[in-house]
C-alpha atoms as a PDB file:
ATOM      1  CA  UNK A   1      -5.496  16.333  -0.094  1.00  0.00           C
ATOM      2  CA  UNK A   2      -8.754  14.405   0.229  1.00  0.00           C
ATOM      3  CA  UNK A   3      -9.516  11.585   2.658  1.00  0.00           C
ATOM      4  CA  UNK A   4     -12.406   9.113   2.690  1.00  0.00           C
ATOM      5  CA  UNK A   5     -13.565   8.009   6.149  1.00  0.00           C
ATOM      6  CA  UNK A   6     -15.246   4.590   6.179  1.00  0.00           C
ATOM      7  CA  UNK A   7     -16.387   4.192   9.779  1.00  0.00           C
ATOM      8  CA  UNK A   8     -19.760   3.151  11.211  1.00  0.00           C
ATOM      9  CA  UNK A   9     -19.095   4.220  14.817  1.00  0.00           C
ATOM     10  CA  UNK A  10     -20.702   7.660  14.854  1.00  0.00           C
ATOM     11  CA  UNK A  11     -18.665   9.007  17.777  1.00  0.00           C
ATOM     12  CA  UNK A  12     -15.371   8.011  16.182  1.00  0.00           C
ATOM     13  CA  UNK A  13     -16.502   9.264  12.785  1.00  0.00           C
ATOM     14  CA  UNK A  14     -17.266  12.675  14.337  1.00  0.00           C
ATOM     15  CA  UNK A  15     -13.844  12.758  16.010  1.00  0.00           C
ATOM     16  CA  UNK A  16     -12.159  11.942  12.689  1.00  0.00           C
ATOM     17  CA  UNK A  17     -14.165  14.624  10.875  1.00  0.00           C
ATOM     18  CA  UNK A  18     -13.191  17.256  13.463  1.00  0.00           C
ATOM     19  CA  UNK A  19      -9.551  16.164  13.262  1.00  0.00           C
ATOM     20  CA  UNK A  20      -9.412  16.274   9.453  1.00  0.00           C
ATOM     21  CA  UNK A  21     -11.102  19.675   9.452  1.00  0.00           C
ATOM     22  CA  UNK A  22      -8.518  21.066  11.890  1.00  0.00           C
ATOM     23  CA  UNK A  23      -5.672  19.649   9.813  1.00  0.00           C
ATOM     24  CA  UNK A  24      -7.101  21.237   6.624  1.00  0.00           C
ATOM     25  CA  UNK A  25      -7.897  17.983   4.821  1.00  0.00           C
ATOM     26  CA  UNK A  26     -10.862  17.727   2.491  1.00  0.00           C
ATOM     27  CA  UNK A  27     -12.915  14.649   3.320  1.00  0.00           C
ATOM     28  CA  UNK A  28     -15.954  12.493   2.657  1.00  0.00           C
ATOM     29  CA  UNK A  29     -17.436  10.322   5.403  1.00  0.00           C
ATOM     30  CA  UNK A  30     -19.543   7.180   4.983  1.00  0.00           C
ATOM     31  CA  UNK A  31     -20.784   4.519   7.390  1.00  0.00           C
ATOM     32  CA  UNK A  32     -21.461   1.444   5.244  1.00  0.00           C
ATOM     33  CA  UNK A  33     -19.771  -0.854   2.769  1.00  0.00           C
ATOM     34  CA  UNK A  34     -22.232   0.053  -0.009  1.00  0.00           C
ATOM     35  CA  UNK A  35     -21.689   3.803   0.474  1.00  0.00           C
ATOM     36  CA  UNK A  36     -17.920   3.349   0.453  1.00  0.00           C
ATOM     37  CA  UNK A  37     -18.039   1.175  -2.669  1.00  0.00           C
ATOM     38  CA  UNK A  38     -20.087   3.843  -4.424  1.00  0.00           C
ATOM     39  CA  UNK A  39     -17.691   6.643  -3.454  1.00  0.00           C
ATOM     40  CA  UNK A  40     -14.507   4.867  -4.508  1.00  0.00           C
ATOM     41  CA  UNK A  41     -16.107   4.049  -7.870  1.00  0.00           C
ATOM     42  CA  UNK A  42     -16.940   7.725  -8.470  1.00  0.00           C
ATOM     43  CA  UNK A  43     -14.063   9.626  -6.868  1.00  0.00           C
ATOM     44  CA  UNK A  44     -10.326   9.483  -6.268  1.00  0.00           C
ATOM     45  CA  UNK A  45      -8.853   9.971  -2.793  1.00  0.00           C
ATOM     46  CA  UNK A  46      -5.359  10.489  -1.454  1.00  0.00           C
ATOM     47  CA  UNK A  47      -6.050   8.255   1.543  1.00  0.00           C
ATOM     48  CA  UNK A  48      -8.867   6.018   2.803  1.00  0.00           C
ATOM     49  CA  UNK A  49      -9.395   5.386   6.527  1.00  0.00           C
ATOM     50  CA  UNK A  50     -11.067   1.994   6.458  1.00  0.00           C
ATOM     51  CA  UNK A  51     -12.861   0.149   9.234  1.00  0.00           C
ATOM     52  CA  UNK A  52     -13.074  -3.615   8.722  1.00  0.00           C
ATOM     53  CA  UNK A  53     -16.368  -4.322  10.495  1.00  0.00           C
ATOM     54  CA  UNK A  54     -19.118  -2.549   8.555  1.00  0.00           C
ATOM     55  CA  UNK A  55     -22.847  -3.181   8.951  1.00  0.00           C
ATOM     56  CA  UNK A  56     -23.393  -4.448   5.403  1.00  0.00           C
ATOM     57  CA  UNK A  57     -20.030  -5.893   4.429  1.00  0.00           C
ATOM     58  CA  UNK A  58     -16.327  -6.202   5.115  1.00  0.00           C
ATOM     59  CA  UNK A  59     -13.569  -3.667   4.653  1.00  0.00           C
ATOM     60  CA  UNK A  60     -11.474  -6.513   3.265  1.00  0.00           C
ATOM     61  CA  UNK A  61     -13.899  -6.764   0.340  1.00  0.00           C
ATOM     62  CA  UNK A  62     -13.409  -3.052  -0.343  1.00  0.00           C
ATOM     63  CA  UNK A  63      -9.670  -3.678  -0.575  1.00  0.00           C
ATOM     64  CA  UNK A  64     -10.407  -6.353  -3.176  1.00  0.00           C
ATOM     65  CA  UNK A  65     -12.487  -3.835  -5.128  1.00  0.00           C
ATOM     66  CA  UNK A  66      -9.669  -1.292  -5.097  1.00  0.00           C
ATOM     67  CA  UNK A  67      -7.297  -3.931  -6.464  1.00  0.00           C
ATOM     68  CA  UNK A  68      -9.771  -5.035  -9.139  1.00  0.00           C
ATOM     69  CA  UNK A  69     -10.088  -1.527 -10.598  1.00  0.00           C
ATOM     70  CA  UNK A  70      -6.398  -0.625 -10.098  1.00  0.00           C
ATOM     71  CA  UNK A  71      -7.184   2.313  -7.816  1.00  0.00           C
ATOM     72  CA  UNK A  72      -4.074   3.880  -6.305  1.00  0.00           C
ATOM     73  CA  UNK A  73      -5.504   5.314  -3.076  1.00  0.00           C
ATOM     74  CA  UNK A  74      -3.490   4.854   0.076  1.00  0.00           C
ATOM     75  CA  UNK A  75      -5.412   2.784   2.627  1.00  0.00           C
ATOM     76  CA  UNK A  76      -5.046   2.795   6.405  1.00  0.00           C
ATOM     77  CA  UNK A  77      -7.119   0.155   8.174  1.00  0.00           C
ATOM     78  CA  UNK A  78      -8.505   1.384  11.499  1.00  0.00           C
ATOM     79  CA  UNK A  79      -9.911  -1.521  13.445  1.00  0.00           C
ATOM     80  CA  UNK A  80     -10.561  -2.826  16.937  1.00  0.00           C
ATOM     81  CA  UNK A  81      -9.383  -6.218  15.678  1.00  0.00           C
ATOM     82  CA  UNK A  82      -5.786  -6.676  16.761  1.00  0.00           C
ATOM     83  CA  UNK A  83      -5.065 -10.220  15.623  1.00  0.00           C
ATOM     84  CA  UNK A  84      -1.952 -10.998  13.610  1.00  0.00           C
ATOM     85  CA  UNK A  85      -4.096 -12.820  11.023  1.00  0.00           C
ATOM     86  CA  UNK A  86      -6.210  -9.710  10.385  1.00  0.00           C
ATOM     87  CA  UNK A  87      -3.113  -7.534  10.034  1.00  0.00           C
ATOM     88  CA  UNK A  88      -1.484  -9.945   7.599  1.00  0.00           C
ATOM     89  CA  UNK A  89      -4.695 -10.281   5.587  1.00  0.00           C
ATOM     90  CA  UNK A  90      -5.173  -6.514   5.340  1.00  0.00           C
ATOM     91  CA  UNK A  91      -1.572  -5.849   4.337  1.00  0.00           C
ATOM     92  CA  UNK A  92      -1.552  -8.682   1.808  1.00  0.00           C
ATOM     93  CA  UNK A  93      -4.730  -7.278   0.233  1.00  0.00           C
ATOM     94  CA  UNK A  94      -2.922  -4.001  -0.379  1.00  0.00           C
ATOM     95  CA  UNK A  95      -3.541  -1.848   2.696  1.00  0.00           C
ATOM     96  CA  UNK A  96      -0.643   0.521   3.358  1.00  0.00           C
ATOM     97  CA  UNK A  97      -0.953   0.516   7.138  1.00  0.00           C
ATOM     98  CA  UNK A  98      -2.980  -0.995   9.998  1.00  0.00           C
ATOM     99  CA  UNK A  99      -3.906   1.054  13.063  1.00  0.00           C
ATOM    100  CA  UNK A 100      -5.565  -0.581  16.061  1.00  0.00           C
ATOM    101  CA  UNK A 101      -8.258   1.242  18.041  1.00  0.00           C
ATOM    102  CA  UNK A 102      -7.919   3.173  20.280  1.00  0.00           C
ATOM    103  CA  UNK A 103      -5.220   5.397  18.790  1.00  0.00           C
ATOM    104  CA  UNK A 104      -3.854   8.919  19.189  1.00  0.00           C
ATOM    105  CA  UNK A 105      -4.832  11.420  16.511  1.00  0.00           C
ATOM    106  CA  UNK A 106      -1.226  12.620  16.265  1.00  0.00           C
ATOM    107  CA  UNK A 107      -0.191   9.071  15.355  1.00  0.00           C
ATOM    108  CA  UNK A 108      -2.981   8.836  12.786  1.00  0.00           C
ATOM    109  CA  UNK A 109      -1.850  12.133  11.244  1.00  0.00           C
ATOM    110  CA  UNK A 110       1.737  10.866  10.960  1.00  0.00           C
ATOM    111  CA  UNK A 111       0.538   7.709   9.238  1.00  0.00           C
ATOM    112  CA  UNK A 112      -1.700   9.625   6.817  1.00  0.00           C
ATOM    113  CA  UNK A 113       1.214  11.886   5.883  1.00  0.00           C
ATOM    114  CA  UNK A 114       3.505   8.887   5.385  1.00  0.00           C
ATOM    115  CA  UNK A 115       1.002   7.112   3.132  1.00  0.00           C
ATOM    116  CA  UNK A 116       0.400  10.232   1.046  1.00  0.00           C
ATOM    117  CA  UNK A 117       4.153  10.811   0.660  1.00  0.00           C
ATOM    118  CA  UNK A 118       4.560   7.306  -0.719  1.00  0.00           C
ATOM    119  CA  UNK A 119       1.595   7.689  -3.051  1.00  0.00           C
ATOM    120  CA  UNK A 120       2.859  10.970  -4.520  1.00  0.00           C
ATOM    121  CA  UNK A 121       5.168   9.025  -6.824  1.00  0.00           C
ATOM    122  CA  UNK A 122       3.954  10.026 -10.287  1.00  0.00           C
ATOM    123  CA  UNK A 123       1.371   7.367 -11.162  1.00  0.00           C
ATOM    124  CA  UNK A 124       0.681   8.846 -14.596  1.00  0.00           C
ATOM    125  CA  UNK A 125       3.837   7.572 -16.264  1.00  0.00           C
ATOM    126  CA  UNK A 126       5.962   4.544 -16.966  1.00  0.00           C
ATOM    127  CA  UNK A 127       9.421   3.791 -15.646  1.00  0.00           C
ATOM    128  CA  UNK A 128      11.973   1.453 -17.159  1.00  0.00           C
ATOM    129  CA  UNK A 129      15.068  -0.370 -16.019  1.00  0.00           C
ATOM    130  CA  UNK A 130      17.022  -2.684 -18.309  1.00  0.00           C
ATOM    131  CA  UNK A 131      14.266  -4.509 -20.245  1.00  0.00           C
ATOM    132  CA  UNK A 132      11.700  -4.054 -17.446  1.00  0.00           C
ATOM    133  CA  UNK A 133       8.844  -1.573 -17.866  1.00  0.00           C
ATOM    134  CA  UNK A 134       6.455  -0.566 -15.066  1.00  0.00           C
ATOM    135  CA  UNK A 135       3.154   1.129 -15.885  1.00  0.00           C
ATOM    136  CA  UNK A 136       2.487   3.015 -12.646  1.00  0.00           C
ATOM    137  CA  UNK A 137      -1.080   3.894 -13.569  1.00  0.00           C
ATOM    138  CA  UNK A 138      -2.257   0.453 -14.645  1.00  0.00           C
ATOM    139  CA  UNK A 139       0.065  -1.364 -12.199  1.00  0.00           C
ATOM    140  CA  UNK A 140       1.391  -3.561 -14.989  1.00  0.00           C
ATOM    141  CA  UNK A 141       4.880  -4.956 -15.549  1.00  0.00           C
ATOM    142  CA  UNK A 142       6.464  -6.018 -18.822  1.00  0.00           C
ATOM    143  CA  UNK A 143       9.763  -7.732 -19.412  1.00  0.00           C
ATOM    144  CA  UNK A 144      10.535  -7.157 -23.060  1.00  0.00           C
ATOM    145  CA  UNK A 145       7.175  -7.556 -24.779  1.00  0.00           C
ATOM    146  CA  UNK A 146       5.757 -10.012 -22.256  1.00  0.00           C
ATOM    147  CA  UNK A 147       3.544  -9.041 -19.346  1.00  0.00           C
ATOM    148  CA  UNK A 148       4.585 -10.424 -15.960  1.00  0.00           C
ATOM    149  CA  UNK A 149       1.951 -11.071 -13.309  1.00  0.00           C
ATOM    150  CA  UNK A 150       2.959  -9.592  -9.938  1.00  0.00           C
ATOM    151  CA  UNK A 151       1.072  -9.168  -6.685  1.00  0.00           C
ATOM    152  CA  UNK A 152       0.589  -5.590  -5.467  1.00  0.00           C
ATOM    153  CA  UNK A 153       3.338  -5.971  -2.865  1.00  0.00           C
ATOM    154  CA  UNK A 154       5.750  -7.406  -5.434  1.00  0.00           C
ATOM    155  CA  UNK A 155       4.965  -4.473  -7.727  1.00  0.00           C
ATOM    156  CA  UNK A 156       5.572  -1.959  -4.917  1.00  0.00           C
ATOM    157  CA  UNK A 157       8.889  -3.583  -4.012  1.00  0.00           C
ATOM    158  CA  UNK A 158      10.058  -3.571  -7.639  1.00  0.00           C
ATOM    159  CA  UNK A 159       8.963   0.052  -8.107  1.00  0.00           C
ATOM    160  CA  UNK A 160      10.829   1.192  -4.994  1.00  0.00           C
ATOM    161  CA  UNK A 161      14.011  -0.658  -5.942  1.00  0.00           C
ATOM    162  CA  UNK A 162      13.980   0.765  -9.479  1.00  0.00           C
ATOM    163  CA  UNK A 163      13.226   4.276  -8.212  1.00  0.00           C
ATOM    164  CA  UNK A 164      16.314   3.954  -5.993  1.00  0.00           C
ATOM    165  CA  UNK A 165      18.419   1.898  -8.392  1.00  0.00           C
ATOM    166  CA  UNK A 166      21.682   3.629  -7.522  1.00  0.00           C
ATOM    167  CA  UNK A 167      21.582   2.812  -3.818  1.00  0.00           C
ATOM    168  CA  UNK A 168      21.206  -0.180  -1.524  1.00  0.00           C
ATOM    169  CA  UNK A 169      17.827  -0.148   0.267  1.00  0.00           C
ATOM    170  CA  UNK A 170      17.930  -1.448   3.829  1.00  0.00           C
ATOM    171  CA  UNK A 171      15.410  -4.043   4.953  1.00  0.00           C
ATOM    172  CA  UNK A 172      13.875  -1.586   7.412  1.00  0.00           C
ATOM    173  CA  UNK A 173      13.506   1.122   4.760  1.00  0.00           C
ATOM    174  CA  UNK A 174      11.855  -1.357   2.409  1.00  0.00           C
ATOM    175  CA  UNK A 175       9.544  -2.570   5.170  1.00  0.00           C
ATOM    176  CA  UNK A 176       8.488   0.984   6.023  1.00  0.00           C
ATOM    177  CA  UNK A 177       7.842   1.845   2.370  1.00  0.00           C
ATOM    178  CA  UNK A 178       5.752  -1.249   1.721  1.00  0.00           C
ATOM    179  CA  UNK A 179       3.914  -1.651   5.041  1.00  0.00           C
ATOM    180  CA  UNK A 180       4.025   1.754   6.728  1.00  0.00           C
ATOM    181  CA  UNK A 181       6.158   3.764   9.119  1.00  0.00           C
ATOM    182  CA  UNK A 182       4.938   1.827  12.161  1.00  0.00           C
ATOM    183  CA  UNK A 183       5.581  -1.596  10.708  1.00  0.00           C
ATOM    184  CA  UNK A 184       5.855  -4.587  13.031  1.00  0.00           C
ATOM    185  CA  UNK A 185       9.247  -5.865  11.841  1.00  0.00           C
ATOM    186  CA  UNK A 186       8.830  -9.265  13.503  1.00  0.00           C
ATOM    187  CA  UNK A 187       5.579  -9.737  11.586  1.00  0.00           C
ATOM    188  CA  UNK A 188       6.759  -8.432   8.221  1.00  0.00           C
ATOM    189  CA  UNK A 189      10.341  -9.664   7.749  1.00  0.00           C
ATOM    190  CA  UNK A 190       9.178 -13.139   6.761  1.00  0.00           C
ATOM    191  CA  UNK A 191       6.571 -11.635   4.431  1.00  0.00           C
ATOM    192  CA  UNK A 192       9.202  -9.396   2.837  1.00  0.00           C
ATOM    193  CA  UNK A 193      11.523 -12.363   2.287  1.00  0.00           C
ATOM    194  CA  UNK A 194       8.694 -14.334   0.686  1.00  0.00           C
ATOM    195  CA  UNK A 195       7.713 -11.478  -1.636  1.00  0.00           C
ATOM    196  CA  UNK A 196      11.343 -10.900  -2.654  1.00  0.00           C
ATOM    197  CA  UNK A 197      11.887 -14.608  -3.334  1.00  0.00           C
ATOM    198  CA  UNK A 198       8.780 -14.755  -5.534  1.00  0.00           C
ATOM    199  CA  UNK A 199       9.678 -11.508  -7.316  1.00  0.00           C
ATOM    200  CA  UNK A 200      13.218 -12.702  -8.075  1.00  0.00           C
ATOM    201  CA  UNK A 201      11.859 -15.981  -9.447  1.00  0.00           C
ATOM    202  CA  UNK A 202       9.329 -14.232 -11.705  1.00  0.00           C
ATOM    203  CA  UNK A 203      11.951 -11.841 -13.098  1.00  0.00           C
ATOM    204  CA  UNK A 204      14.316 -14.733 -13.802  1.00  0.00           C
ATOM    205  CA  UNK A 205      11.626 -16.818 -15.533  1.00  0.00           C
ATOM    206  CA  UNK A 206      10.705 -13.775 -17.657  1.00  0.00           C
ATOM    207  CA  UNK A 207      14.395 -13.395 -18.630  1.00  0.00           C
ATOM    208  CA  UNK A 208      14.736  -9.924 -17.154  1.00  0.00           C
ATOM    209  CA  UNK A 209      18.128  -8.338 -17.790  1.00  0.00           C
ATOM    210  CA  UNK A 210      18.281  -7.295 -14.155  1.00  0.00           C
ATOM    211  CA  UNK A 211      18.271  -8.998 -10.803  1.00  0.00           C
ATOM    212  CA  UNK A 212      17.636  -8.088  -7.178  1.00  0.00           C
ATOM    213  CA  UNK A 213      20.759  -8.667  -5.130  1.00  0.00           C
ATOM    214  CA  UNK A 214      21.008  -9.097  -1.399  1.00  0.00           C
ATOM    215  CA  UNK A 215      23.905  -6.970  -0.128  1.00  0.00           C
ATOM    216  CA  UNK A 216      24.838  -8.910   2.986  1.00  0.00           C
ATOM    217  CA  UNK A 217      24.244  -6.982   6.186  1.00  0.00           C
ATOM    218  CA  UNK A 218      23.003  -3.906   4.305  1.00  0.00           C
ATOM    219  CA  UNK A 219      19.889  -4.555   2.214  1.00  0.00           C
ATOM    220  CA  UNK A 220      18.785  -4.943  -1.404  1.00  0.00           C
ATOM    221  CA  UNK A 221      19.622  -3.359  -4.743  1.00  0.00           C
ATOM    222  CA  UNK A 222      18.416  -3.979  -8.290  1.00  0.00           C
ATOM    223  CA  UNK A 223      21.237  -4.236 -10.827  1.00  0.00           C
ATOM    224  CA  UNK A 224      21.514  -4.787 -14.562  1.00  0.00           C
ATOM    225  CA  UNK A 225      22.983  -8.067 -15.751  1.00  0.00           C
END
């Protein structure tokens, strides 16, 4: 497993390097936006530890780049910025988790493992349900022959529901899958509801032969019509 450290604080970068070495991770470490952009264009990583405040650019812009080229790396933001707005922005741009400095290395390790577990879903193939097809490598969705435009979070929700089509997924389980094991439920429940509402609408407009149903008091399940 290979991790990219994007962190300009030299002391913290050294601590992260020592930690990853002890835990037997392979790693690359960079200190600037331009170096990070270069690395993610050339190499694939299992997880990226991303600082937001970089000397020559923003970590948020790097998230945009990852989305633009359909890279599937897991991303954990590590930042001293603890505002709700920053957390929402990072998660909406596709980050898998958000960890506020200072943090315990044991907690970081748990989050890295959780992100990598989620990303191990085979991204080299396509999955289908009813007349819905998900291309897990290109992050594309088709209903019948028509492509449907989804946000990254909507795609992740749909993928998780289809992968678990025979069971009802609780809200908490869906939150943890989409936003990380240490999700702030009070922050994310409204976001989850919004994403689900938009996803349901898009599937209906596209005439999908499936719908996402809310099982009252339990969670959500995708079912064929």
